[in-house]
Amino acid sequence: MTDLICSRAGCRSAATSQVVWRNPRIHAVDREKIWLACPEHVSFLRDYLAARDFPVTVRDGVPS
């Protein structure tokens, strides 16, 4: 089994959260994109997307 890793560029840490987002200019309301995040980068990824006015939420846990 392969461990899921953080989506932050250059990070190889295990992901513990999902950063769920969409670009409202090109995605329908029911479309979700998911970045995985380690504890160190969850805030960075969330803030990066929020600064672009993308709807974003964080879910604890990662898919198995």
N, C-alpha and C. Protein backbone atom coordinates (compact mmCIF):
# COMPACT_ATOMS: atom_id res chain seq x y z
N MET A 1 0.84 -1.18 0.00
CA MET A 1 0.00 0.00 0.00
C MET A 1 0.88 1.24 0.00
N THR A 2 0.49 2.25 -0.76
CA THR A 2 1.24 3.48 -0.85
C THR A 2 0.64 4.52 0.08
N ASP A 3 1.48 5.17 0.88
CA ASP A 3 1.00 6.24 1.74
C ASP A 3 0.67 7.46 0.89
N LEU A 4 -0.38 8.16 1.27
CA LEU A 4 -0.75 9.39 0.57
C LEU A 4 0.11 10.52 1.12
N ILE A 5 0.65 11.33 0.22
CA ILE A 5 1.57 12.40 0.63
C ILE A 5 0.95 13.77 0.41
N CYS A 6 1.49 14.73 1.08
CA CYS A 6 1.06 16.12 1.01
C CYS A 6 1.20 16.66 -0.42
N SER A 7 0.25 17.51 -0.83
CA SER A 7 0.25 18.10 -2.16
C SER A 7 1.17 19.32 -2.29
N ARG A 8 1.69 19.82 -1.19
CA ARG A 8 2.59 20.98 -1.23
C ARG A 8 3.85 20.60 -2.00
N ALA A 9 4.24 21.44 -2.93
CA ALA A 9 5.43 21.17 -3.75
C ALA A 9 6.64 20.88 -2.88
N GLY A 10 7.30 19.77 -3.16
CA GLY A 10 8.52 19.40 -2.45
C GLY A 10 8.31 18.69 -1.13
N CYS A 11 7.08 18.61 -0.65
CA CYS A 11 6.82 17.96 0.64
C CYS A 11 6.59 16.47 0.40
N ARG A 12 7.19 15.65 1.23
CA ARG A 12 7.02 14.20 1.12
C ARG A 12 6.38 13.62 2.39
N SER A 13 5.80 14.48 3.23
CA SER A 13 5.19 14.03 4.48
C SER A 13 3.84 13.37 4.22
N ALA A 14 3.43 12.52 5.16
CA ALA A 14 2.14 11.85 5.06
C ALA A 14 1.00 12.86 5.21
N ALA A 15 0.00 12.72 4.37
CA ALA A 15 -1.17 13.60 4.44
C ALA A 15 -2.10 13.16 5.56
N THR A 16 -2.69 14.13 6.25
CA THR A 16 -3.63 13.86 7.33
C THR A 16 -4.95 14.58 7.12
N SER A 17 -5.02 15.49 6.14
CA SER A 17 -6.22 16.28 5.88
C SER A 17 -6.45 16.42 4.38
N GLN A 18 -7.69 16.75 4.04
CA GLN A 18 -8.05 17.06 2.67
C GLN A 18 -8.41 18.54 2.57
N VAL A 19 -7.84 19.23 1.62
CA VAL A 19 -8.21 20.61 1.34
C VAL A 19 -9.10 20.54 0.10
N VAL A 20 -10.39 20.79 0.29
CA VAL A 20 -11.40 20.62 -0.76
C VAL A 20 -11.73 22.00 -1.33
N TRP A 21 -11.67 22.13 -2.66
CA TRP A 21 -11.86 23.44 -3.28
C TRP A 21 -12.42 23.29 -4.68
N ARG A 22 -12.80 24.44 -5.24
CA ARG A 22 -13.19 24.51 -6.65
C ARG A 22 -12.97 25.92 -7.14
N ASN A 23 -12.77 26.03 -8.44
CA ASN A 23 -12.64 27.34 -9.09
C ASN A 23 -14.02 27.67 -9.65
N PRO A 24 -14.74 28.62 -9.05
CA PRO A 24 -16.12 28.89 -9.47
C PRO A 24 -16.23 29.43 -10.90
N ARG A 25 -15.14 29.92 -11.45
CA ARG A 25 -15.18 30.43 -12.83
C ARG A 25 -15.23 29.29 -13.86
N ILE A 26 -14.75 28.10 -13.48
CA ILE A 26 -14.73 27.02 -14.45
C ILE A 26 -15.36 25.72 -13.96
N HIS A 27 -15.64 25.60 -12.67
CA HIS A 27 -16.20 24.36 -12.13
C HIS A 27 -17.65 24.56 -11.69
N ALA A 28 -18.48 23.56 -11.97
CA ALA A 28 -19.86 23.57 -11.49
C ALA A 28 -19.87 23.47 -9.96
N VAL A 29 -20.99 23.83 -9.36
CA VAL A 29 -21.10 23.84 -7.90
C VAL A 29 -20.84 22.45 -7.30
N ASP A 30 -21.20 21.40 -8.03
CA ASP A 30 -21.02 20.05 -7.49
C ASP A 30 -19.64 19.46 -7.74
N ARG A 31 -18.76 20.20 -8.40
CA ARG A 31 -17.39 19.72 -8.68
C ARG A 31 -16.49 20.03 -7.49
N GLU A 32 -15.74 19.05 -7.04
CA GLU A 32 -14.77 19.24 -5.96
C GLU A 32 -13.39 18.81 -6.42
N LYS A 33 -12.41 19.58 -6.07
CA LYS A 33 -11.01 19.19 -6.28
C LYS A 33 -10.43 19.00 -4.87
N ILE A 34 -9.52 18.06 -4.73
CA ILE A 34 -8.97 17.76 -3.41
C ILE A 34 -7.45 17.75 -3.46
N TRP A 35 -6.86 18.55 -2.58
CA TRP A 35 -5.42 18.48 -2.33
C TRP A 35 -5.26 17.83 -0.97
N LEU A 36 -4.26 17.01 -0.83
CA LEU A 36 -3.95 16.39 0.45
C LEU A 36 -2.91 17.23 1.17
N ALA A 37 -3.00 17.27 2.50
CA ALA A 37 -2.09 18.12 3.27
C ALA A 37 -1.61 17.43 4.53
N CYS A 38 -0.33 17.66 4.84
CA CYS A 38 0.23 17.24 6.11
C CYS A 38 -0.11 18.33 7.14
N PRO A 39 0.06 18.07 8.42
CA PRO A 39 -0.27 19.09 9.43
C PRO A 39 0.49 20.41 9.22
N GLU A 40 1.72 20.34 8.75
CA GLU A 40 2.52 21.55 8.55
C GLU A 40 2.00 22.44 7.43
N HIS A 41 1.38 21.85 6.40
CA HIS A 41 1.01 22.63 5.22
C HIS A 41 -0.49 22.84 5.01
N VAL A 42 -1.33 22.33 5.88
CA VAL A 42 -2.78 22.49 5.69
C VAL A 42 -3.17 23.97 5.65
N SER A 43 -2.64 24.79 6.54
CA SER A 43 -2.97 26.22 6.54
C SER A 43 -2.44 26.92 5.30
N PHE A 44 -1.23 26.57 4.88
CA PHE A 44 -0.65 27.18 3.68
C PHE A 44 -1.53 26.90 2.46
N LEU A 45 -1.91 25.65 2.25
CA LEU A 45 -2.71 25.30 1.09
C LEU A 45 -4.10 25.94 1.15
N ARG A 46 -4.73 25.92 2.33
CA ARG A 46 -6.04 26.56 2.49
C ARG A 46 -5.95 28.05 2.20
N ASP A 47 -4.97 28.72 2.76
CA ASP A 47 -4.82 30.16 2.56
C ASP A 47 -4.49 30.52 1.12
N TYR A 48 -3.69 29.69 0.45
CA TYR A 48 -3.34 29.89 -0.96
C TYR A 48 -4.60 29.92 -1.82
N LEU A 49 -5.49 28.97 -1.60
CA LEU A 49 -6.72 28.91 -2.37
C LEU A 49 -7.71 30.01 -1.98
N ALA A 50 -7.82 30.29 -0.70
CA ALA A 50 -8.74 31.33 -0.23
C ALA A 50 -8.33 32.71 -0.76
N ALA A 51 -7.03 32.94 -0.90
CA ALA A 51 -6.55 34.23 -1.42
C ALA A 51 -7.00 34.44 -2.87
N ARG A 52 -7.32 33.37 -3.56
CA ARG A 52 -7.79 33.45 -4.95
C ARG A 52 -9.31 33.45 -5.02
N ASP A 53 -9.97 33.61 -3.88
CA ASP A 53 -11.43 33.61 -3.76
C ASP A 53 -12.08 32.32 -4.19
N PHE A 54 -11.37 31.20 -4.02
CA PHE A 54 -11.96 29.90 -4.30
C PHE A 54 -12.67 29.41 -3.04
N PRO A 55 -13.85 28.84 -3.17
CA PRO A 55 -14.47 28.20 -1.99
C PRO A 55 -13.57 27.05 -1.54
N VAL A 56 -13.26 27.03 -0.27
CA VAL A 56 -12.33 26.01 0.24
C VAL A 56 -12.75 25.58 1.64
N THR A 57 -12.66 24.28 1.89
CA THR A 57 -12.91 23.71 3.22
C THR A 57 -11.81 22.69 3.50
N VAL A 58 -11.66 22.38 4.78
CA VAL A 58 -10.67 21.38 5.18
C VAL A 58 -11.42 20.26 5.89
N ARG A 59 -11.12 19.03 5.46
CA ARG A 59 -11.68 17.84 6.10
C ARG A 59 -10.53 17.07 6.74
N ASP A 60 -10.74 16.66 7.99
CA ASP A 60 -9.74 15.81 8.65
C ASP A 60 -9.79 14.42 8.05
N GLY A 61 -8.64 13.80 7.96
CA GLY A 61 -8.55 12.45 7.43
C GLY A 61 -8.34 12.45 5.92
N VAL A 62 -7.89 11.32 5.43
CA VAL A 62 -7.66 11.14 3.99
C VAL A 62 -8.37 9.87 3.56
N PRO A 63 -8.71 9.78 2.28
CA PRO A 63 -9.38 8.56 1.81
C PRO A 63 -8.46 7.35 1.95
N SER A 64 -9.04 6.22 2.21
CA SER A 64 -8.22 5.01 2.34
C SER A 64 -8.24 4.18 1.08
